[in-house]
Amino acid sequence: MMVRHKSKSFSLFALFVLLFFTLNTKAFSNSKSILILGDSLSAGYGMTIDQGWVALSQQYYNVNNQPVDLINASISGETTAGGLRRLPSLLEQHNIDWLLIELGGNDGLQGHPTSNIENNLNAIIDLAKQHDVQVALMQIRIPPNYGKRYRQAFEGLYPKIAEQQQVAYLPFFIEDIATQTHLMQNDGIHPNQQAQPMISEQMQQQLLDLLYN
């Protein structure tokens, strides 16, 4: 009786340990994850997704044994309203440490009211905070032909929201690339494949700084 009792107890204990480690692997790992909620600039528009800066950055982290998991939830044509609609299910699906918001470009190109853009970005940040997810907001810029007044109002949203919400603020990641025609696709809006490693190199350290500093 004693032997059978101990054997049964050991089996139950082993099962518990197995389930615990299976369900909580993230708790015993040094890796941290960041979900990138973006548009075509992060979705690799005009190329295969493995050629985009997000995939290249993940490859870099893997090769160099950097404990970073990038989850690319970017969709070409995405707006701040679309990102807000998708975020609840993304937060349920993924256990993330950080959310990087790279949205607003399509809103600006479509001339959406800046008040709507601001409300959507604030709602995205608030939702992430409710799930104990830290947030980084990337500056977005639009071409000058949209008018000085609208452009200034649009671009001024990002530092203002970041300051008010007390979240990390990142510079526009194609600031320098956008002025070099050989690094842009024919539409003049999207970086080409040649530019992707440059964007990746720029973002690699910025993301590490977010996650581990």
Protein backbone atom coordinates (compact mmCIF):
# COMPACT_ATOMS: atom_id res chain seq x y z
CA MET A 1 0.00 0.00 0.00
CA MET A 2 2.80 2.41 0.90
CA VAL A 3 4.65 1.83 -2.37
CA ARG A 4 1.56 2.29 -4.50
CA HIS A 5 0.66 5.47 -2.62
CA LYS A 6 4.10 6.99 -3.18
CA SER A 7 4.09 6.02 -6.84
CA LYS A 8 0.72 7.63 -7.38
CA SER A 9 1.80 10.78 -5.54
CA PHE A 10 4.96 11.00 -7.60
CA SER A 11 3.03 10.62 -10.85
CA LEU A 12 0.65 13.40 -9.89
CA PHE A 13 3.55 15.62 -8.90
CA ALA A 14 5.37 14.92 -12.18
CA LEU A 15 2.21 15.72 -14.14
CA PHE A 16 1.79 18.98 -12.23
CA VAL A 17 5.39 20.01 -12.92
CA LEU A 18 5.03 19.17 -16.61
CA LEU A 19 1.85 21.21 -16.94
CA PHE A 20 3.33 24.09 -14.96
CA PHE A 21 6.36 24.36 -17.22
CA THR A 22 4.28 23.94 -20.35
CA LEU A 23 1.87 26.73 -19.44
CA ASN A 24 4.50 29.06 -18.01
CA THR A 25 7.50 28.75 -20.29
CA LYS A 26 7.63 32.54 -20.65
CA ALA A 27 8.00 32.89 -16.88
CA PHE A 28 11.22 30.83 -17.00
CA SER A 29 12.65 32.51 -20.07
CA ASN A 30 14.66 35.70 -20.34
CA SER A 31 13.06 36.51 -23.67
CA LYS A 32 10.71 39.42 -23.98
CA SER A 33 8.23 40.07 -26.75
CA ILE A 34 7.07 43.12 -28.61
CA LEU A 35 4.04 43.30 -30.86
CA ILE A 36 4.37 45.66 -33.80
CA LEU A 37 1.03 47.20 -34.67
CA GLY A 38 1.76 48.91 -37.93
CA ASP A 39 0.89 49.47 -41.56
CA SER A 40 2.63 48.79 -44.87
CA LEU A 41 5.90 50.31 -43.66
CA SER A 42 6.28 47.39 -41.27
CA ALA A 43 4.32 44.81 -43.28
CA GLY A 44 6.95 44.71 -46.04
CA TYR A 45 4.86 46.24 -48.79
CA GLY A 46 6.05 45.28 -52.26
CA MET A 47 8.15 42.33 -51.07
CA THR A 48 7.83 39.03 -49.25
CA ILE A 49 7.39 39.36 -45.51
CA ASP A 50 10.73 37.69 -44.80
CA GLN A 51 12.47 40.53 -46.65
CA GLY A 52 10.99 43.25 -44.44
CA TRP A 53 12.76 44.95 -41.56
CA VAL A 54 10.84 43.07 -38.86
CA ALA A 55 11.83 39.64 -40.17
CA LEU A 56 15.43 40.80 -40.68
CA SER A 57 15.55 42.09 -37.11
CA GLN A 58 14.25 38.79 -35.75
CA GLN A 59 16.89 36.95 -37.77
CA TYR A 60 19.54 39.19 -36.23
CA TYR A 61 18.30 38.51 -32.70
CA ASN A 62 18.20 34.77 -33.34
CA VAL A 63 21.70 34.59 -34.80
CA ASN A 64 23.12 36.65 -31.95
CA ASN A 65 21.17 34.81 -29.24
CA GLN A 66 19.32 37.96 -28.23
CA PRO A 67 16.22 37.10 -26.15
CA VAL A 68 13.73 39.05 -28.24
CA ASP A 69 10.52 37.84 -29.88
CA LEU A 70 9.00 40.13 -32.50
CA ILE A 71 5.34 39.63 -33.38
CA ASN A 72 4.48 41.47 -36.58
CA ALA A 73 0.79 42.39 -36.62
CA SER A 74 1.22 45.00 -39.34
CA ILE A 75 -1.17 45.17 -42.30
CA SER A 76 -0.82 47.24 -45.45
CA GLY A 77 -3.41 50.01 -45.53
CA GLU A 78 -4.03 49.85 -41.79
CA THR A 79 -5.37 52.95 -40.02
CA THR A 80 -5.47 53.87 -36.35
CA ALA A 81 -9.15 52.86 -36.26
CA GLY A 82 -8.32 49.47 -37.78
CA GLY A 83 -5.49 48.92 -35.34
CA LEU A 84 -7.79 49.76 -32.45
CA ARG A 85 -10.38 47.24 -33.69
CA ARG A 86 -7.80 44.48 -34.01
CA LEU A 87 -5.92 45.08 -30.79
CA PRO A 88 -8.24 43.30 -28.31
CA SER A 89 -7.96 39.97 -30.12
CA LEU A 90 -4.20 40.43 -30.55
CA LEU A 91 -3.79 40.99 -26.81
CA GLU A 92 -5.80 37.85 -26.13
CA GLN A 93 -3.79 35.83 -28.61
CA HIS A 94 -0.31 36.97 -27.58
CA ASN A 95 1.34 37.37 -24.20
CA ILE A 96 3.49 40.43 -24.88
CA ASP A 97 5.69 42.78 -22.90
CA TRP A 98 5.62 45.76 -25.27
CA LEU A 99 3.43 47.23 -27.97
CA LEU A 100 5.03 49.32 -30.71
CA ILE A 101 2.49 51.54 -32.46
CA GLU A 102 3.47 52.43 -36.03
CA LEU A 103 0.16 53.80 -37.27
CA GLY A 104 -1.35 56.99 -38.60
CA GLY A 105 0.29 57.31 -41.99
CA ASN A 106 -2.77 56.09 -43.87
CA ASP A 107 -5.03 58.31 -41.73
CA GLY A 108 -2.91 61.29 -42.72
CA LEU A 109 -2.76 60.37 -46.39
CA GLN A 110 -6.55 60.06 -46.37
CA GLY A 111 -6.97 63.40 -44.61
CA HIS A 112 -8.67 62.05 -41.50
CA PRO A 113 -9.36 64.65 -38.80
CA THR A 114 -6.45 64.85 -36.41
CA SER A 115 -8.88 64.68 -33.49
CA ASN A 116 -9.99 61.21 -34.63
CA ILE A 117 -6.40 60.06 -35.02
CA GLU A 118 -5.56 61.35 -31.56
CA ASN A 119 -8.56 59.62 -30.00
CA ASN A 120 -7.69 56.32 -31.65
CA LEU A 121 -4.05 56.43 -30.61
CA ASN A 122 -5.01 57.26 -27.03
CA ALA A 123 -7.52 54.40 -27.01
CA ILE A 124 -4.89 51.95 -28.28
CA ILE A 125 -2.47 53.05 -25.56
CA ASP A 126 -5.14 52.88 -22.86
CA LEU A 127 -6.11 49.36 -23.91
CA ALA A 128 -2.50 48.20 -23.83
CA LYS A 129 -2.00 49.70 -20.36
CA GLN A 130 -5.10 47.87 -19.11
CA HIS A 131 -3.34 44.63 -20.08
CA ASP A 132 -0.11 45.70 -18.31
CA VAL A 133 1.66 46.10 -21.64
CA GLN A 134 4.24 48.84 -22.04
CA VAL A 135 3.89 51.07 -25.07
CA ALA A 136 6.18 52.76 -27.57
CA LEU A 137 4.70 55.28 -29.99
CA MET A 138 6.53 55.94 -33.25
CA GLN A 139 6.49 59.36 -34.86
CA ILE A 140 4.81 59.29 -38.27
CA ARG A 141 5.32 61.88 -40.97
CA ILE A 142 3.41 62.64 -44.16
CA PRO A 143 4.49 64.35 -47.42
CA PRO A 144 4.58 68.16 -47.46
CA ASN A 145 1.97 68.41 -50.23
CA TYR A 146 -0.80 67.82 -47.67
CA GLY A 147 -0.51 71.41 -46.52
CA LYS A 148 1.58 72.96 -43.80
CA ARG A 149 -1.27 73.43 -41.32
CA TYR A 150 -2.57 69.85 -41.51
CA ARG A 151 0.91 68.37 -41.59
CA GLN A 152 2.02 70.24 -38.49
CA ALA A 153 -1.15 69.32 -36.62
CA PHE A 154 -0.80 65.67 -37.63
CA GLU A 155 2.88 65.29 -36.84
CA GLY A 156 2.51 67.22 -33.60
CA LEU A 157 0.14 64.59 -32.25
CA TYR A 158 2.85 62.03 -31.59
CA PRO A 159 5.18 63.79 -29.16
CA LYS A 160 2.15 65.28 -27.42
CA ILE A 161 0.44 61.93 -26.92
CA ALA A 162 3.68 60.26 -25.84
CA GLU A 163 4.24 62.94 -23.22
CA GLN A 164 0.68 62.95 -21.95
CA GLN A 165 0.48 59.17 -21.79
CA GLN A 166 4.02 58.81 -20.45
CA VAL A 167 5.00 56.21 -23.05
CA ALA A 168 8.21 55.74 -25.02
CA TYR A 169 8.55 57.93 -28.11
CA LEU A 170 10.50 56.72 -31.14
CA PRO A 171 11.58 58.84 -34.12
CA PHE A 172 10.20 58.10 -37.57
CA PHE A 173 12.24 55.14 -38.73
CA ILE A 174 12.46 56.12 -42.40
CA GLU A 175 13.22 59.80 -41.77
CA ASP A 176 16.51 59.72 -43.68
CA ILE A 177 15.60 56.95 -46.10
CA ALA A 178 12.51 58.75 -47.44
CA THR A 179 14.66 61.50 -48.98
CA GLN A 180 16.85 59.05 -50.92
CA THR A 181 15.02 58.03 -54.08
CA HIS A 182 17.20 54.96 -54.68
CA LEU A 183 15.95 53.54 -51.36
CA MET A 184 12.28 54.13 -52.12
CA GLN A 185 9.80 52.30 -54.30
CA ASN A 186 8.31 54.05 -57.33
CA ASP A 187 5.39 55.38 -55.28
CA GLY A 188 7.79 57.49 -53.22
CA ILE A 189 6.10 56.33 -50.01
CA HIS A 190 7.42 52.84 -49.30
CA PRO A 191 11.07 51.89 -48.75
CA ASN A 192 12.34 49.26 -51.15
CA GLN A 193 14.04 45.97 -50.39
CA GLN A 194 17.46 47.61 -50.40
CA ALA A 195 16.37 49.87 -47.54
CA GLN A 196 15.06 47.11 -45.30
CA PRO A 197 18.44 46.07 -43.80
CA MET A 198 19.11 49.73 -43.03
CA ILE A 199 15.80 50.09 -41.23
CA SER A 200 16.41 46.82 -39.41
CA GLU A 201 19.86 47.91 -38.25
CA GLN A 202 18.40 51.15 -36.92
CA MET A 203 15.56 49.42 -35.08
CA GLN A 204 17.51 46.51 -33.59
CA GLN A 205 19.14 48.54 -30.81
CA GLN A 206 16.10 50.73 -30.25
CA LEU A 207 13.96 47.68 -29.56
CA LEU A 208 16.60 46.17 -27.29
CA ASP A 209 16.73 49.43 -25.36
CA LEU A 210 12.96 49.34 -24.92
CA LEU A 211 12.88 45.78 -23.69
CA TYR A 212 15.93 45.63 -21.45
CA ASN A 213 16.79 49.16 -20.30
